[in-house]
Amino acid sequence: DQLQQLESLETALSAKQLLNKLPDQQQEVIRLKVAHELSYREISDITGLTVSNVGYLLHTGLKSLREQFTG
């Protein structure tokens, strides 16, 4: 239904706007994890960050997005 498609589009646009407000490294690891479905190890190899740093950036970035989106 068109209303559901519009709501989905609005949600996606809002999420993208919120993502763009995060620090660059958080944006990068979230995009690699969500859009490209990469593992922490693969993200670590691409970014040069440690696996634990990737996990930390994902956790803090997603937490921030959740708080902003629901806030």
PDB file of N, CA and C in Angstrom:
ATOM      1  N   ASP A   1       0.839  -1.175   0.000  1.00  0.00           N
ATOM      2  CA  ASP A   1       0.000   0.000   0.000  1.00  0.00           C
ATOM      3  C   ASP A   1       0.890   1.247   0.000  1.00  0.00           C
ATOM      4  N   GLN A   2       0.396   2.304  -0.631  1.00  0.00           N
ATOM      5  CA  GLN A   2       1.212   3.512  -0.825  1.00  0.00           C
ATOM      6  C   GLN A   2       1.557   4.198   0.486  1.00  0.00           C
ATOM      7  N   LEU A   3       0.644   4.192   1.430  1.00  0.00           N
ATOM      8  CA  LEU A   3       0.897   4.836   2.714  1.00  0.00           C
ATOM      9  C   LEU A   3       2.056   4.150   3.438  1.00  0.00           C
ATOM     10  N   GLN A   4       2.072   2.827   3.427  1.00  0.00           N
ATOM     11  CA  GLN A   4       3.159   2.088   4.063  1.00  0.00           C
ATOM     12  C   GLN A   4       4.485   2.370   3.362  1.00  0.00           C
ATOM     13  N   GLN A   5       4.473   2.450   2.038  1.00  0.00           N
ATOM     14  CA  GLN A   5       5.696   2.749   1.295  1.00  0.00           C
ATOM     15  C   GLN A   5       6.206   4.137   1.639  1.00  0.00           C
ATOM     16  N   LEU A   6       5.309   5.097   1.752  1.00  0.00           N
ATOM     17  CA  LEU A   6       5.692   6.457   2.106  1.00  0.00           C
ATOM     18  C   LEU A   6       6.270   6.511   3.517  1.00  0.00           C
ATOM     19  N   GLU A   7       5.628   5.804   4.440  1.00  0.00           N
ATOM     20  CA  GLU A   7       6.132   5.770   5.817  1.00  0.00           C
ATOM     21  C   GLU A   7       7.510   5.113   5.867  1.00  0.00           C
ATOM     22  N   SER A   8       7.709   4.060   5.099  1.00  0.00           N
ATOM     23  CA  SER A   8       9.012   3.396   5.048  1.00  0.00           C
ATOM     24  C   SER A   8      10.070   4.331   4.481  1.00  0.00           C
ATOM     25  N   LEU A   9       9.728   5.081   3.458  1.00  0.00           N
ATOM     26  CA  LEU A   9      10.651   6.035   2.856  1.00  0.00           C
ATOM     27  C   LEU A   9      11.006   7.137   3.838  1.00  0.00           C
ATOM     28  N   GLU A  10       9.997   7.654   4.547  1.00  0.00           N
ATOM     29  CA  GLU A  10      10.247   8.703   5.539  1.00  0.00           C
ATOM     30  C   GLU A  10      11.149   8.189   6.656  1.00  0.00           C
ATOM     31  N   THR A  11      10.921   6.952   7.087  1.00  0.00           N
ATOM     32  CA  THR A  11      11.753   6.356   8.132  1.00  0.00           C
ATOM     33  C   THR A  11      13.190   6.211   7.653  1.00  0.00           C
ATOM     34  N   ALA A  12      13.362   5.739   6.417  1.00  0.00           N
ATOM     35  CA  ALA A  12      14.705   5.574   5.859  1.00  0.00           C
ATOM     36  C   ALA A  12      15.412   6.917   5.730  1.00  0.00           C
ATOM     37  N   LEU A  13      14.705   7.941   5.294  1.00  0.00           N
ATOM     38  CA  LEU A  13      15.311   9.272   5.167  1.00  0.00           C
ATOM     39  C   LEU A  13      15.698   9.833   6.525  1.00  0.00           C
ATOM     40  N   SER A  14      14.853   9.637   7.510  1.00  0.00           N
ATOM     41  CA  SER A  14      15.157  10.102   8.863  1.00  0.00           C
ATOM     42  C   SER A  14      16.389   9.390   9.409  1.00  0.00           C
ATOM     43  N   ALA A  15      16.449   8.081   9.193  1.00  0.00           N
ATOM     44  CA  ALA A  15      17.595   7.299   9.668  1.00  0.00           C
ATOM     45  C   ALA A  15      18.878   7.764   8.982  1.00  0.00           C
ATOM     46  N   LYS A  16      18.806   8.034   7.683  1.00  0.00           N
ATOM     47  CA  LYS A  16      19.992   8.492   6.952  1.00  0.00           C
ATOM     48  C   LYS A  16      20.445   9.851   7.468  1.00  0.00           C
ATOM     49  N   GLN A  17      19.509  10.746   7.736  1.00  0.00           N
ATOM     50  CA  GLN A  17      19.862  12.060   8.269  1.00  0.00           C
ATOM     51  C   GLN A  17      20.529  11.931   9.634  1.00  0.00           C
ATOM     52  N   LEU A  18      20.002  11.051  10.465  1.00  0.00           N
ATOM     53  CA  LEU A  18      20.595  10.833  11.783  1.00  0.00           C
ATOM     54  C   LEU A  18      21.976  10.199  11.656  1.00  0.00           C
ATOM     55  N   LEU A  19      22.121   9.244  10.746  1.00  0.00           N
ATOM     56  CA  LEU A  19      23.411   8.595  10.520  1.00  0.00           C
ATOM     57  C   LEU A  19      24.457   9.625  10.104  1.00  0.00           C
ATOM     58  N   ASN A  20      24.079  10.561   9.255  1.00  0.00           N
ATOM     59  CA  ASN A  20      25.011  11.576   8.774  1.00  0.00           C
ATOM     60  C   ASN A  20      25.495  12.517   9.875  1.00  0.00           C
ATOM     61  N   LYS A  21      24.806  12.534  11.013  1.00  0.00           N
ATOM     62  CA  LYS A  21      25.214  13.378  12.139  1.00  0.00           C
ATOM     63  C   LYS A  21      26.267  12.708  13.025  1.00  0.00           C
ATOM     64  N   LEU A  22      26.454  11.397  12.850  1.00  0.00           N
ATOM     65  CA  LEU A  22      27.432  10.668  13.661  1.00  0.00           C
ATOM     66  C   LEU A  22      28.848  10.983  13.189  1.00  0.00           C
ATOM     67  N   PRO A  23      29.834  10.754  14.060  1.00  0.00           N
ATOM     68  CA  PRO A  23      31.231  10.890  13.636  1.00  0.00           C
ATOM     69  C   PRO A  23      31.530   9.957  12.453  1.00  0.00           C
ATOM     70  N   ASP A  24      32.481  10.364  11.608  1.00  0.00           N
ATOM     71  CA  ASP A  24      32.784   9.635  10.376  1.00  0.00           C
ATOM     72  C   ASP A  24      33.066   8.151  10.592  1.00  0.00           C
ATOM     73  N   GLN A  25      33.864   7.821  11.607  1.00  0.00           N
ATOM     74  CA  GLN A  25      34.205   6.406  11.824  1.00  0.00           C
ATOM     75  C   GLN A  25      32.975   5.592  12.184  1.00  0.00           C
ATOM     76  N   GLN A  26      32.083   6.154  12.982  1.00  0.00           N
ATOM     77  CA  GLN A  26      30.854   5.442  13.335  1.00  0.00           C
ATOM     78  C   GLN A  26      29.994   5.245  12.097  1.00  0.00           C
ATOM     79  N   GLN A  27      29.877   6.278  11.269  1.00  0.00           N
ATOM     80  CA  GLN A  27      29.109   6.145  10.026  1.00  0.00           C
ATOM     81  C   GLN A  27      29.678   5.018   9.166  1.00  0.00           C
ATOM     82  N   GLU A  28      30.987   5.004   9.023  1.00  0.00           N
ATOM     83  CA  GLU A  28      31.625   4.017   8.161  1.00  0.00           C
ATOM     84  C   GLU A  28      31.377   2.593   8.640  1.00  0.00           C
ATOM     85  N   VAL A  29      31.600   2.329   9.934  1.00  0.00           N
ATOM     86  CA  VAL A  29      31.425   0.955  10.412  1.00  0.00           C
ATOM     87  C   VAL A  29      29.959   0.528  10.370  1.00  0.00           C
ATOM     88  N   ILE A  30      29.044   1.448  10.624  1.00  0.00           N
ATOM     89  CA  ILE A  30      27.618   1.108  10.550  1.00  0.00           C
ATOM     90  C   ILE A  30      27.231   0.794   9.109  1.00  0.00           C
ATOM     91  N   ARG A  31      27.695   1.593   8.175  1.00  0.00           N
ATOM     92  CA  ARG A  31      27.379   1.325   6.760  1.00  0.00           C
ATOM     93  C   ARG A  31      27.962  -0.020   6.309  1.00  0.00           C
ATOM     94  N   LEU A  32      29.201  -0.291   6.714  1.00  0.00           N
ATOM     95  CA  LEU A  32      29.822  -1.559   6.328  1.00  0.00           C
ATOM     96  C   LEU A  32      29.075  -2.742   6.933  1.00  0.00           C
ATOM     97  N   LYS A  33      28.613  -2.591   8.164  1.00  0.00           N
ATOM     98  CA  LYS A  33      27.899  -3.686   8.838  1.00  0.00           C
ATOM     99  C   LYS A  33      26.492  -3.856   8.275  1.00  0.00           C
ATOM    100  N   VAL A  34      25.756  -2.762   8.154  1.00  0.00           N
ATOM    101  CA  VAL A  34      24.349  -2.847   7.775  1.00  0.00           C
ATOM    102  C   VAL A  34      24.178  -3.008   6.263  1.00  0.00           C
ATOM    103  N   ALA A  35      24.799  -2.139   5.493  1.00  0.00           N
ATOM    104  CA  ALA A  35      24.590  -2.155   4.039  1.00  0.00           C
ATOM    105  C   ALA A  35      25.336  -3.297   3.357  1.00  0.00           C
ATOM    106  N   HIS A  36      26.533  -3.597   3.856  1.00  0.00           N
ATOM    107  CA  HIS A  36      27.358  -4.604   3.190  1.00  0.00           C
ATOM    108  C   HIS A  36      27.406  -5.929   3.940  1.00  0.00           C
ATOM    109  N   GLU A  37      26.778  -5.958   5.139  1.00  0.00           N
ATOM    110  CA  GLU A  37      26.672  -7.177   5.952  1.00  0.00           C
ATOM    111  C   GLU A  37      28.031  -7.827   6.212  1.00  0.00           C
ATOM    112  N   LEU A  38      29.029  -6.983   6.507  1.00  0.00           N
ATOM    113  CA  LEU A  38      30.370  -7.495   6.777  1.00  0.00           C
ATOM    114  C   LEU A  38      30.513  -7.869   8.242  1.00  0.00           C
ATOM    115  N   SER A  39      31.425  -8.783   8.519  1.00  0.00           N
ATOM    116  CA  SER A  39      31.719  -9.176   9.900  1.00  0.00           C
ATOM    117  C   SER A  39      32.605  -8.110  10.546  1.00  0.00           C
ATOM    118  N   TYR A  40      32.729  -8.175  11.863  1.00  0.00           N
ATOM    119  CA  TYR A  40      33.621  -7.255  12.565  1.00  0.00           C
ATOM    120  C   TYR A  40      35.040  -7.398  12.031  1.00  0.00           C
ATOM    121  N   ARG A  41      35.465  -8.627  11.781  1.00  0.00           N
ATOM    122  CA  ARG A  41      36.819  -8.885  11.266  1.00  0.00           C
ATOM    123  C   ARG A  41      37.002  -8.233   9.895  1.00  0.00           C
ATOM    124  N   GLU A  42      36.020  -8.391   9.022  1.00  0.00           N
ATOM    125  CA  GLU A  42      36.108  -7.789   7.686  1.00  0.00           C
ATOM    126  C   GLU A  42      36.142  -6.263   7.772  1.00  0.00           C
ATOM    127  N   ILE A  43      35.322  -5.700   8.656  1.00  0.00           N
ATOM    128  CA  ILE A  43      35.317  -4.247   8.844  1.00  0.00           C
ATOM    129  C   ILE A  43      36.671  -3.804   9.395  1.00  0.00           C
ATOM    130  N   SER A  44      37.217  -4.577  10.315  1.00  0.00           N
ATOM    131  CA  SER A  44      38.538  -4.286  10.875  1.00  0.00           C
ATOM    132  C   SER A  44      39.600  -4.268   9.783  1.00  0.00           C
ATOM    133  N   ASP A  45      39.566  -5.255   8.904  1.00  0.00           N
ATOM    134  CA  ASP A  45      40.538  -5.330   7.803  1.00  0.00           C
ATOM    135  C   ASP A  45      40.427  -4.128   6.868  1.00  0.00           C
ATOM    136  N   ILE A  46      39.213  -3.697   6.591  1.00  0.00           N
ATOM    137  CA  ILE A  46      38.983  -2.572   5.676  1.00  0.00           C
ATOM    138  C   ILE A  46      39.404  -1.247   6.299  1.00  0.00           C
ATOM    139  N   THR A  47      39.044  -1.052   7.572  1.00  0.00           N
ATOM    140  CA  THR A  47      39.258   0.247   8.214  1.00  0.00           C
ATOM    141  C   THR A  47      40.604   0.379   8.913  1.00  0.00           C
ATOM    142  N   GLY A  48      41.235  -0.766   9.218  1.00  0.00           N
ATOM    143  CA  GLY A  48      42.477  -0.712   9.977  1.00  0.00           C
ATOM    144  C   GLY A  48      42.257  -0.574  11.477  1.00  0.00           C
ATOM    145  N   LEU A  49      41.001  -0.597  11.897  1.00  0.00           N
ATOM    146  CA  LEU A  49      40.666  -0.537  13.326  1.00  0.00           C
ATOM    147  C   LEU A  49      40.741  -1.938  13.916  1.00  0.00           C
ATOM    148  N   THR A  50      40.908  -2.023  15.220  1.00  0.00           N
ATOM    149  CA  THR A  50      40.869  -3.330  15.863  1.00  0.00           C
ATOM    150  C   THR A  50      39.426  -3.837  15.875  1.00  0.00           C
ATOM    151  N   VAL A  51      39.270  -5.151  15.997  1.00  0.00           N
ATOM    152  CA  VAL A  51      37.930  -5.740  16.049  1.00  0.00           C
ATOM    153  C   VAL A  51      37.154  -5.174  17.242  1.00  0.00           C
ATOM    154  N   SER A  52      37.806  -5.013  18.377  1.00  0.00           N
ATOM    155  CA  SER A  52      37.107  -4.478  19.549  1.00  0.00           C
ATOM    156  C   SER A  52      36.711  -3.016  19.340  1.00  0.00           C
ATOM    157  N   ASN A  53      37.530  -2.251  18.622  1.00  0.00           N
ATOM    158  CA  ASN A  53      37.179  -0.871  18.326  1.00  0.00           C
ATOM    159  C   ASN A  53      35.986  -0.815  17.378  1.00  0.00           C
ATOM    160  N   VAL A  54      35.948  -1.711  16.396  1.00  0.00           N
ATOM    161  CA  VAL A  54      34.793  -1.803  15.492  1.00  0.00           C
ATOM    162  C   VAL A  54      33.529  -2.074  16.310  1.00  0.00           C
ATOM    163  N   GLY A  55      33.605  -3.030  17.230  1.00  0.00           N
ATOM    164  CA  GLY A  55      32.462  -3.353  18.079  1.00  0.00           C
ATOM    165  C   GLY A  55      32.014  -2.168  18.909  1.00  0.00           C
ATOM    166  N   TYR A  56      32.987  -1.446  19.470  1.00  0.00           N
ATOM    167  CA  TYR A  56      32.672  -0.269  20.283  1.00  0.00           C
ATOM    168  C   TYR A  56      31.993   0.806  19.442  1.00  0.00           C
ATOM    169  N   LEU A  57      32.551   1.085  18.253  1.00  0.00           N
ATOM    170  CA  LEU A  57      31.976   2.113  17.383  1.00  0.00           C
ATOM    171  C   LEU A  57      30.567   1.738  16.929  1.00  0.00           C
ATOM    172  N   LEU A  58      30.359   0.460  16.610  1.00  0.00           N
ATOM    173  CA  LEU A  58      29.018   0.007  16.224  1.00  0.00           C
ATOM    174  C   LEU A  58      28.042   0.173  17.384  1.00  0.00           C
ATOM    175  N   HIS A  59      28.456  -0.270  18.548  1.00  0.00           N
ATOM    176  CA  HIS A  59      27.582  -0.194  19.723  1.00  0.00           C
ATOM    177  C   HIS A  59      27.198   1.248  20.038  1.00  0.00           C
ATOM    178  N   THR A  60      28.193   2.127  20.117  1.00  0.00           N
ATOM    179  CA  THR A  60      27.903   3.513  20.487  1.00  0.00           C
ATOM    180  C   THR A  60      27.136   4.236  19.378  1.00  0.00           C
ATOM    181  N   GLY A  61      27.475   3.948  18.126  1.00  0.00           N
ATOM    182  CA  GLY A  61      26.780   4.585  17.014  1.00  0.00           C
ATOM    183  C   GLY A  61      25.326   4.172  16.935  1.00  0.00           C
ATOM    184  N   LEU A  62      25.062   2.880  17.050  1.00  0.00           N
ATOM    185  CA  LEU A  62      23.680   2.384  16.981  1.00  0.00           C
ATOM    186  C   LEU A  62      22.876   2.848  18.195  1.00  0.00           C
ATOM    187  N   LYS A  63      23.516   2.908  19.348  1.00  0.00           N
ATOM    188  CA  LYS A  63      22.836   3.406  20.550  1.00  0.00           C
ATOM    189  C   LYS A  63      22.432   4.867  20.349  1.00  0.00           C
ATOM    190  N   SER A  64      23.336   5.654  19.799  1.00  0.00           N
ATOM    191  CA  SER A  64      23.046   7.057  19.533  1.00  0.00           C
ATOM    192  C   SER A  64      21.906   7.209  18.533  1.00  0.00           C
ATOM    193  N   LEU A  65      21.927   6.390  17.482  1.00  0.00           N
ATOM    194  CA  LEU A  65      20.843   6.441  16.490  1.00  0.00           C
ATOM    195  C   LEU A  65      19.500   6.098  17.126  1.00  0.00           C
ATOM    196  N   ARG A  66      19.487   5.034  17.944  1.00  0.00           N
ATOM    197  CA  ARG A  66      18.238   4.631  18.613  1.00  0.00           C
ATOM    198  C   ARG A  66      17.705   5.765  19.486  1.00  0.00           C
ATOM    199  N   GLU A  67      18.600   6.383  20.252  1.00  0.00           N
ATOM    200  CA  GLU A  67      18.183   7.453  21.161  1.00  0.00           C
ATOM    201  C   GLU A  67      17.638   8.645  20.377  1.00  0.00           C
ATOM    202  N   GLN A  68      18.291   9.014  19.287  1.00  0.00           N
ATOM    203  CA  GLN A  68      17.831  10.139  18.484  1.00  0.00           C
ATOM    204  C   GLN A  68      16.525   9.819  17.773  1.00  0.00           C
ATOM    205  N   PHE A  69      16.410   8.588  17.273  1.00  0.00           N
ATOM    206  CA  PHE A  69      15.236   8.208  16.489  1.00  0.00           C
ATOM    207  C   PHE A  69      13.987   8.111  17.359  1.00  0.00           C
ATOM    208  N   THR A  70      14.156   7.586  18.565  1.00  0.00           N
ATOM    209  CA  THR A  70      13.003   7.424  19.438  1.00  0.00           C
ATOM    210  C   THR A  70      12.784   8.635  20.341  1.00  0.00           C
ATOM    211  N   GLY A  71      13.812   9.490  20.449  1.00  0.00           N
ATOM    212  CA  GLY A  71      13.776  10.626  21.347  1.00  0.00           C
ATOM    213  C   GLY A  71      12.862  11.691  20.906  1.00  0.00           C
TER     214      GLY A  71
END
